[in-house]
Amino acid sequence: MLVKPVTVTVYGAETICPSCVGAPSSKETYEWLEAALGRKFPNQSFTMEYVDINQKHEDEKKTAFIERMEEEDLFYPVVLIEDRIVGEGNPRLKTVFGEFEKYGYKAEA
């Protein structure tokens, strides 16, 4: 049973990651992911958040994660579910869906 809606956070930038040429932009990935999750888990609430890594953020947690991305050379977009990295660069839906199911979400048949 679902306890609370999970939060999906996508960290990315307007420009496409240099190592991800040919992949969708971070914002496009965010929109695609939001639509795919809504179709796979209809009528099940979740929160989506997009964080531009090139902007200043008052939230220390976001700022710290952006610094971590730089230190660890993570490919953006980076997708987090409840602060756990589940995708980097070009995230795989199967992995994201699997993580949702761990939180009690049920896929529609």
C-alpha atoms as a PDB file:
ATOM      1  CA  MET A   1       0.000   0.000   0.000  1.00  0.00           C
ATOM      2  CA  LEU A   2       1.189   3.452  -0.907  1.00  0.00           C
ATOM      3  CA  VAL A   3       2.197   5.430   2.201  1.00  0.00           C
ATOM      4  CA  LYS A   4       2.918   8.796   0.586  1.00  0.00           C
ATOM      5  CA  PRO A   5       3.518  10.080  -2.931  1.00  0.00           C
ATOM      6  CA  VAL A   6       7.166   9.935  -3.937  1.00  0.00           C
ATOM      7  CA  THR A   7       9.107  12.863  -5.325  1.00  0.00           C
ATOM      8  CA  VAL A   8      10.950  12.513  -8.614  1.00  0.00           C
ATOM      9  CA  THR A   9      13.631  15.151  -9.083  1.00  0.00           C
ATOM     10  CA  VAL A  10      15.378  15.694 -12.396  1.00  0.00           C
ATOM     11  CA  TYR A  11      18.617  17.686 -12.282  1.00  0.00           C
ATOM     12  CA  GLY A  12      19.700  19.015 -15.631  1.00  0.00           C
ATOM     13  CA  ALA A  13      20.545  21.959 -17.857  1.00  0.00           C
ATOM     14  CA  GLU A  14      19.342  23.725 -20.989  1.00  0.00           C
ATOM     15  CA  THR A  15      22.356  22.477 -22.922  1.00  0.00           C
ATOM     16  CA  ILE A  16      22.692  18.797 -23.658  1.00  0.00           C
ATOM     17  CA  CYS A  17      25.387  16.954 -21.741  1.00  0.00           C
ATOM     18  CA  PRO A  18      28.527  16.794 -23.941  1.00  0.00           C
ATOM     19  CA  SER A  19      28.713  13.028 -23.422  1.00  0.00           C
ATOM     20  CA  CYS A  20      25.043  12.588 -24.317  1.00  0.00           C
ATOM     21  CA  VAL A  21      24.971  13.950 -27.876  1.00  0.00           C
ATOM     22  CA  GLY A  22      21.865  12.714 -29.636  1.00  0.00           C
ATOM     23  CA  ALA A  23      19.956  12.248 -26.370  1.00  0.00           C
ATOM     24  CA  PRO A  24      16.979  14.418 -25.434  1.00  0.00           C
ATOM     25  CA  SER A  25      17.534  17.547 -23.358  1.00  0.00           C
ATOM     26  CA  SER A  26      17.103  17.447 -19.591  1.00  0.00           C
ATOM     27  CA  LYS A  27      13.786  19.306 -19.821  1.00  0.00           C
ATOM     28  CA  GLU A  28      12.547  16.936 -22.537  1.00  0.00           C
ATOM     29  CA  THR A  29      13.562  13.982 -20.347  1.00  0.00           C
ATOM     30  CA  TYR A  30      11.654  15.508 -17.421  1.00  0.00           C
ATOM     31  CA  GLU A  31       8.492  15.927 -19.528  1.00  0.00           C
ATOM     32  CA  TRP A  32       8.827  12.456 -21.082  1.00  0.00           C
ATOM     33  CA  LEU A  33       9.331  10.860 -17.677  1.00  0.00           C
ATOM     34  CA  GLU A  34       6.353  12.685 -16.157  1.00  0.00           C
ATOM     35  CA  ALA A  35       4.091  11.513 -18.993  1.00  0.00           C
ATOM     36  CA  ALA A  36       5.398   7.918 -18.889  1.00  0.00           C
ATOM     37  CA  LEU A  37       4.942   7.644 -15.112  1.00  0.00           C
ATOM     38  CA  GLY A  38       1.432   9.081 -15.357  1.00  0.00           C
ATOM     39  CA  ARG A  39       0.498   6.462 -17.980  1.00  0.00           C
ATOM     40  CA  LYS A  40       2.125   3.533 -16.154  1.00  0.00           C
ATOM     41  CA  PHE A  41       0.761   4.449 -12.711  1.00  0.00           C
ATOM     42  CA  PRO A  42      -2.553   6.244 -13.395  1.00  0.00           C
ATOM     43  CA  ASN A  43      -4.508   7.711 -10.477  1.00  0.00           C
ATOM     44  CA  GLN A  44      -1.445   7.301  -8.230  1.00  0.00           C
ATOM     45  CA  SER A  45      -0.042  10.568  -6.985  1.00  0.00           C
ATOM     46  CA  PHE A  46       3.624  11.549  -7.296  1.00  0.00           C
ATOM     47  CA  THR A  47       5.513  14.832  -7.452  1.00  0.00           C
ATOM     48  CA  MET A  48       7.857  15.888 -10.237  1.00  0.00           C
ATOM     49  CA  GLU A  49      10.503  18.567  -9.844  1.00  0.00           C
ATOM     50  CA  TYR A  50      13.014  19.971 -12.343  1.00  0.00           C
ATOM     51  CA  VAL A  51      16.206  21.592 -11.046  1.00  0.00           C
ATOM     52  CA  ASP A  52      18.381  23.604 -13.439  1.00  0.00           C
ATOM     53  CA  ILE A  53      21.981  22.971 -12.427  1.00  0.00           C
ATOM     54  CA  ASN A  54      23.101  26.314 -13.890  1.00  0.00           C
ATOM     55  CA  GLN A  55      20.846  28.366 -11.628  1.00  0.00           C
ATOM     56  CA  LYS A  56      21.468  29.478  -8.046  1.00  0.00           C
ATOM     57  CA  HIS A  57      19.271  27.687  -5.505  1.00  0.00           C
ATOM     58  CA  GLU A  58      18.427  28.771  -1.983  1.00  0.00           C
ATOM     59  CA  ASP A  59      17.754  25.158  -1.044  1.00  0.00           C
ATOM     60  CA  GLU A  60      21.032  23.867   0.418  1.00  0.00           C
ATOM     61  CA  LYS A  61      20.138  20.275  -0.422  1.00  0.00           C
ATOM     62  CA  LYS A  62      19.828  21.112  -4.129  1.00  0.00           C
ATOM     63  CA  THR A  63      23.029  23.128  -4.105  1.00  0.00           C
ATOM     64  CA  ALA A  64      24.891  20.278  -2.392  1.00  0.00           C
ATOM     65  CA  PHE A  65      23.614  17.757  -4.954  1.00  0.00           C
ATOM     66  CA  ILE A  66      24.665  20.003  -7.853  1.00  0.00           C
ATOM     67  CA  GLU A  67      28.148  20.180  -6.316  1.00  0.00           C
ATOM     68  CA  ARG A  68      28.150  16.387  -6.018  1.00  0.00           C
ATOM     69  CA  MET A  69      27.231  16.103  -9.691  1.00  0.00           C
ATOM     70  CA  GLU A  70      30.240  18.253 -10.586  1.00  0.00           C
ATOM     71  CA  GLU A  71      32.624  16.403  -8.259  1.00  0.00           C
ATOM     72  CA  GLU A  72      31.573  12.953  -9.464  1.00  0.00           C
ATOM     73  CA  ASP A  73      31.214  13.996 -13.123  1.00  0.00           C
ATOM     74  CA  LEU A  74      27.648  12.709 -13.285  1.00  0.00           C
ATOM     75  CA  PHE A  75      25.990  12.913 -16.702  1.00  0.00           C
ATOM     76  CA  TYR A  76      22.835  14.987 -16.694  1.00  0.00           C
ATOM     77  CA  PRO A  77      19.974  14.702 -16.513  1.00  0.00           C
ATOM     78  CA  VAL A  78      20.240  12.905 -13.199  1.00  0.00           C
ATOM     79  CA  VAL A  79      16.960  11.390 -12.004  1.00  0.00           C
ATOM     80  CA  LEU A  80      16.339  10.915  -8.299  1.00  0.00           C
ATOM     81  CA  ILE A  81      13.433   9.223  -6.588  1.00  0.00           C
ATOM     82  CA  GLU A  82      13.269  10.191  -2.940  1.00  0.00           C
ATOM     83  CA  ASP A  83      16.915  11.324  -3.081  1.00  0.00           C
ATOM     84  CA  ARG A  84      18.159   8.052  -4.615  1.00  0.00           C
ATOM     85  CA  ILE A  85      19.803   8.207  -8.049  1.00  0.00           C
ATOM     86  CA  VAL A  86      17.870   5.975 -10.448  1.00  0.00           C
ATOM     87  CA  GLY A  87      19.066   7.369 -13.760  1.00  0.00           C
ATOM     88  CA  GLU A  88      21.899   9.355 -15.259  1.00  0.00           C
ATOM     89  CA  GLY A  89      22.404  10.679 -18.782  1.00  0.00           C
ATOM     90  CA  ASN A  90      19.670   8.806 -20.599  1.00  0.00           C
ATOM     91  CA  PRO A  91      17.560   7.156 -17.854  1.00  0.00           C
ATOM     92  CA  ARG A  92      15.910   3.791 -18.461  1.00  0.00           C
ATOM     93  CA  LEU A  93      12.186   3.583 -17.860  1.00  0.00           C
ATOM     94  CA  LYS A  94      12.418   0.003 -16.617  1.00  0.00           C
ATOM     95  CA  THR A  95      14.706   1.128 -13.764  1.00  0.00           C
ATOM     96  CA  VAL A  96      12.500   4.090 -12.861  1.00  0.00           C
ATOM     97  CA  PHE A  97       9.342   1.946 -12.963  1.00  0.00           C
ATOM     98  CA  GLY A  98      11.016  -0.681 -10.775  1.00  0.00           C
ATOM     99  CA  GLU A  99      11.899   1.933  -8.179  1.00  0.00           C
ATOM    100  CA  PHE A 100       8.297   3.194  -8.178  1.00  0.00           C
ATOM    101  CA  GLU A 101       7.060  -0.332  -7.518  1.00  0.00           C
ATOM    102  CA  LYS A 102       9.369  -0.549  -4.470  1.00  0.00           C
ATOM    103  CA  TYR A 103       7.346   2.326  -3.002  1.00  0.00           C
ATOM    104  CA  GLY A 104       4.079   0.476  -3.498  1.00  0.00           C
ATOM    105  CA  TYR A 105       2.999   1.842  -6.859  1.00  0.00           C
ATOM    106  CA  LYS A 106       1.027  -0.617  -8.979  1.00  0.00           C
ATOM    107  CA  ALA A 107       1.365  -0.601 -12.754  1.00  0.00           C
ATOM    108  CA  GLU A 108      -1.845  -0.654 -14.720  1.00  0.00           C
ATOM    109  CA  ALA A 109      -2.136  -3.820 -16.793  1.00  0.00           C
END
